[in-house]
Amino acid sequence: MTPSVQTASVQTAAYEIRAISPQVLGELRARDDAGAPPRLLVDEEGGSPLRCCLRRISPGEHVALVSYAPLRRWARETGADPGPYDETGPVFIHPEPCPGPASAGYPVPLAGSHRVFRSYSADGRILGGRLLRAGEASDATSAEAVLAGIFDDPAVALVHIRAVEFGCFIFEARRR
């Protein structure tokens, strides 16, 4: 199977970077993980991350704001039990299908911001977190090096990359 742009992966032995999958995006565009229809809006200022294509919203762009439960969805695929670590939070997506991430690897348009890398075990338990300050991982290559270091721990199955300011899910990295 040839990887699609939506599940673009960095070429490492340890992990692949993933946006929200096209199938899940279709579900979220109908009804989100909180059971509500998406909130459609025009973002006049732009700048927030889009979780479908891993780039920032352009000023004046039409977007949908939905609730998303990334750990719950991963647990359904893998049989893990996230228990109390299951969270639902707001994410921006395109209201219609889009081409997905422009390239494999850590998304360059989202590099340089404060991020928390939260790691989980294969059974769904949180293992730890790593704060990346804007200057510490100012480019995608530096951020990928931090991810590679996290995946050096064989207990790590999944890493959620989250915004520091609001704690929102941005994208995930999964062990290969």
Protein backbone atom coordinates (compact mmCIF):
# COMPACT_ATOMS: atom_id res chain seq x y z
CA MET A 1 0.00 0.00 0.00
CA THR A 2 1.39 3.39 -0.98
CA PRO A 3 1.08 6.00 1.79
CA SER A 4 -1.29 8.84 0.97
CA VAL A 5 -0.46 12.46 1.62
CA GLN A 6 -2.80 12.39 4.65
CA THR A 7 -0.68 9.81 6.44
CA ALA A 8 2.64 11.19 5.30
CA SER A 9 5.46 9.76 7.34
CA VAL A 10 8.97 10.76 8.15
CA GLN A 11 11.52 8.23 6.97
CA THR A 12 12.76 6.85 10.27
CA ALA A 13 12.68 3.40 11.76
CA ALA A 14 10.81 4.59 14.84
CA TYR A 15 7.75 6.71 14.00
CA GLU A 16 5.53 8.42 11.46
CA ILE A 17 3.84 11.83 11.68
CA ARG A 18 0.07 11.75 11.17
CA ALA A 19 -2.60 14.34 10.54
CA ILE A 20 -6.20 13.34 11.28
CA SER A 21 -7.06 10.63 8.73
CA PRO A 22 -9.45 11.34 5.84
CA GLN A 23 -11.97 8.79 7.18
CA VAL A 24 -12.04 10.41 10.62
CA LEU A 25 -12.24 13.89 9.06
CA GLY A 26 -15.34 12.77 7.16
CA GLU A 27 -16.93 11.62 10.41
CA LEU A 28 -16.00 14.86 12.20
CA ARG A 29 -17.49 16.94 9.39
CA ALA A 30 -20.84 15.24 10.03
CA ARG A 31 -20.77 14.92 13.84
CA ASP A 32 -17.80 15.53 16.11
CA ASP A 33 -16.56 13.44 19.03
CA ALA A 34 -18.78 15.39 21.43
CA GLY A 35 -21.83 14.50 19.31
CA ALA A 36 -22.31 18.00 17.87
CA PRO A 37 -22.31 19.26 14.28
CA PRO A 38 -19.20 21.22 13.28
CA ARG A 39 -19.15 24.96 13.85
CA LEU A 40 -18.43 26.62 10.52
CA LEU A 41 -16.68 29.96 10.60
CA VAL A 42 -14.41 32.34 8.75
CA ASP A 43 -11.17 32.96 10.61
CA GLU A 44 -10.44 36.61 9.91
CA GLU A 45 -7.07 36.60 11.68
CA GLY A 46 -5.75 33.15 10.76
CA GLY A 47 -2.72 31.55 12.35
CA SER A 48 -4.25 28.56 14.18
CA PRO A 49 -3.17 25.07 13.08
CA LEU A 50 -5.35 22.99 10.76
CA ARG A 51 -5.29 19.33 11.81
CA CYS A 52 -6.25 18.03 8.36
CA CYS A 53 -3.31 19.44 6.40
CA LEU A 54 -0.90 20.48 9.18
CA ARG A 55 -0.53 24.11 8.18
CA ARG A 56 -1.74 27.38 9.64
CA ILE A 57 -5.12 28.91 8.77
CA SER A 58 -4.82 31.79 6.29
CA PRO A 59 -6.60 35.05 7.20
CA GLY A 60 -10.19 34.95 5.92
CA GLU A 61 -10.17 31.16 5.41
CA HIS A 62 -13.33 29.07 5.94
CA VAL A 63 -12.80 26.42 8.63
CA ALA A 64 -14.75 24.07 10.86
CA LEU A 65 -14.26 23.88 14.62
CA VAL A 66 -14.94 20.39 16.00
CA SER A 67 -14.37 18.37 19.15
CA TYR A 68 -11.87 15.56 18.67
CA ALA A 69 -10.84 12.69 20.95
CA PRO A 70 -7.48 11.56 19.51
CA LEU A 71 -6.55 9.03 22.19
CA ARG A 72 -10.01 7.44 22.12
CA ARG A 73 -9.84 7.01 18.35
CA TRP A 74 -6.31 5.53 18.55
CA ALA A 75 -7.49 3.17 21.30
CA ARG A 76 -10.32 1.89 19.08
CA GLU A 77 -7.77 1.01 16.39
CA THR A 78 -5.28 -0.64 18.71
CA GLY A 79 -7.35 -2.12 21.53
CA ALA A 80 -5.72 0.13 24.14
CA ASP A 81 -7.68 1.44 27.11
CA PRO A 82 -6.87 5.11 27.73
CA GLY A 83 -9.12 5.24 30.81
CA PRO A 84 -8.82 8.62 32.52
CA TYR A 85 -6.34 9.89 29.89
CA ASP A 86 -9.11 10.07 27.28
CA GLU A 87 -9.72 13.71 26.35
CA THR A 88 -11.91 15.59 23.91
CA GLY A 89 -10.83 19.00 22.72
CA PRO A 90 -11.31 21.59 19.99
CA VAL A 91 -9.51 21.38 16.64
CA PHE A 92 -9.79 23.29 13.38
CA ILE A 93 -10.23 21.38 10.12
CA HIS A 94 -11.26 22.29 6.61
CA PRO A 95 -15.05 21.97 6.17
CA GLU A 96 -14.45 20.08 2.89
CA PRO A 97 -11.80 17.51 1.96
CA CYS A 98 -8.34 18.95 1.35
CA PRO A 99 -5.11 17.48 -0.05
CA GLY A 100 -3.61 16.85 3.40
CA PRO A 101 -0.07 17.66 4.55
CA ALA A 102 2.26 19.10 1.92
CA SER A 103 5.15 16.81 2.87
CA ALA A 104 6.22 13.98 5.12
CA GLY A 105 7.88 14.55 8.47
CA TYR A 106 7.41 17.23 11.06
CA PRO A 107 5.19 19.90 9.47
CA VAL A 108 7.42 22.88 8.69
CA PRO A 109 4.52 25.41 8.89
CA LEU A 110 3.91 24.36 12.52
CA ALA A 111 7.54 24.34 13.68
CA GLY A 112 8.92 26.96 16.02
CA SER A 113 5.97 27.26 18.41
CA HIS A 114 5.83 26.18 22.03
CA ARG A 115 4.71 22.54 22.06
CA VAL A 116 4.23 19.71 24.50
CA PHE A 117 5.12 16.22 23.30
CA ARG A 118 3.01 13.85 25.40
CA SER A 119 3.94 10.16 25.15
CA TYR A 120 1.70 7.11 25.69
CA SER A 121 2.31 3.39 26.11
CA ALA A 122 0.70 0.74 23.89
CA ASP A 123 -1.96 0.12 26.55
CA GLY A 124 -3.01 3.80 26.56
CA ARG A 125 -1.31 5.11 29.69
CA ILE A 126 0.53 8.41 29.70
CA LEU A 127 4.29 7.94 30.09
CA GLY A 128 5.53 11.49 30.17
CA GLY A 129 5.75 14.85 28.49
CA ARG A 130 8.40 17.06 27.02
CA LEU A 131 8.04 20.82 26.73
CA LEU A 132 9.59 22.39 23.66
CA ARG A 133 10.02 26.11 23.90
CA ALA A 134 9.89 28.10 20.66
CA GLY A 135 13.66 28.64 20.59
CA GLU A 136 14.54 25.06 21.55
CA ALA A 137 12.96 23.48 18.49
CA SER A 138 12.87 26.41 16.12
CA ASP A 139 12.76 24.20 13.04
CA ALA A 140 11.27 20.89 11.95
CA THR A 141 14.62 19.08 12.03
CA SER A 142 15.18 19.98 15.69
CA ALA A 143 11.63 18.90 16.58
CA GLU A 144 12.13 15.59 14.76
CA ALA A 145 15.29 14.98 16.76
CA VAL A 146 13.33 15.44 19.99
CA LEU A 147 10.68 12.99 18.74
CA ALA A 148 13.36 10.46 17.80
CA GLY A 149 14.74 10.73 21.34
CA ILE A 150 11.29 10.11 22.82
CA PHE A 151 10.83 7.04 20.62
CA ASP A 152 14.20 5.70 21.81
CA ASP A 153 12.17 4.51 24.79
CA PRO A 154 10.68 1.17 23.61
CA ALA A 155 7.64 1.69 25.86
CA VAL A 156 6.49 4.69 23.78
CA ALA A 157 3.84 3.77 21.21
CA LEU A 158 2.31 7.18 20.51
CA VAL A 159 3.17 10.85 20.99
CA HIS A 160 0.62 13.66 20.86
CA ILE A 161 2.02 17.01 19.86
CA ARG A 162 -0.06 19.68 21.61
CA ALA A 163 -0.23 23.45 21.86
CA VAL A 164 1.10 24.79 25.16
CA GLU A 165 -1.29 27.74 25.44
CA PHE A 166 -4.54 25.77 25.27
CA GLY A 167 -3.42 22.13 25.44
CA CYS A 168 -5.08 21.40 22.09
CA PHE A 169 -4.08 18.38 20.03
CA ILE A 170 -2.08 19.40 16.95
CA PHE A 171 -0.98 16.04 15.41
CA GLU A 172 0.44 12.69 16.43
CA ALA A 173 3.51 10.57 15.90
CA ARG A 174 3.03 6.79 15.97
CA ARG A 175 5.60 4.08 16.38
CA ARG A 176 6.04 2.13 13.16
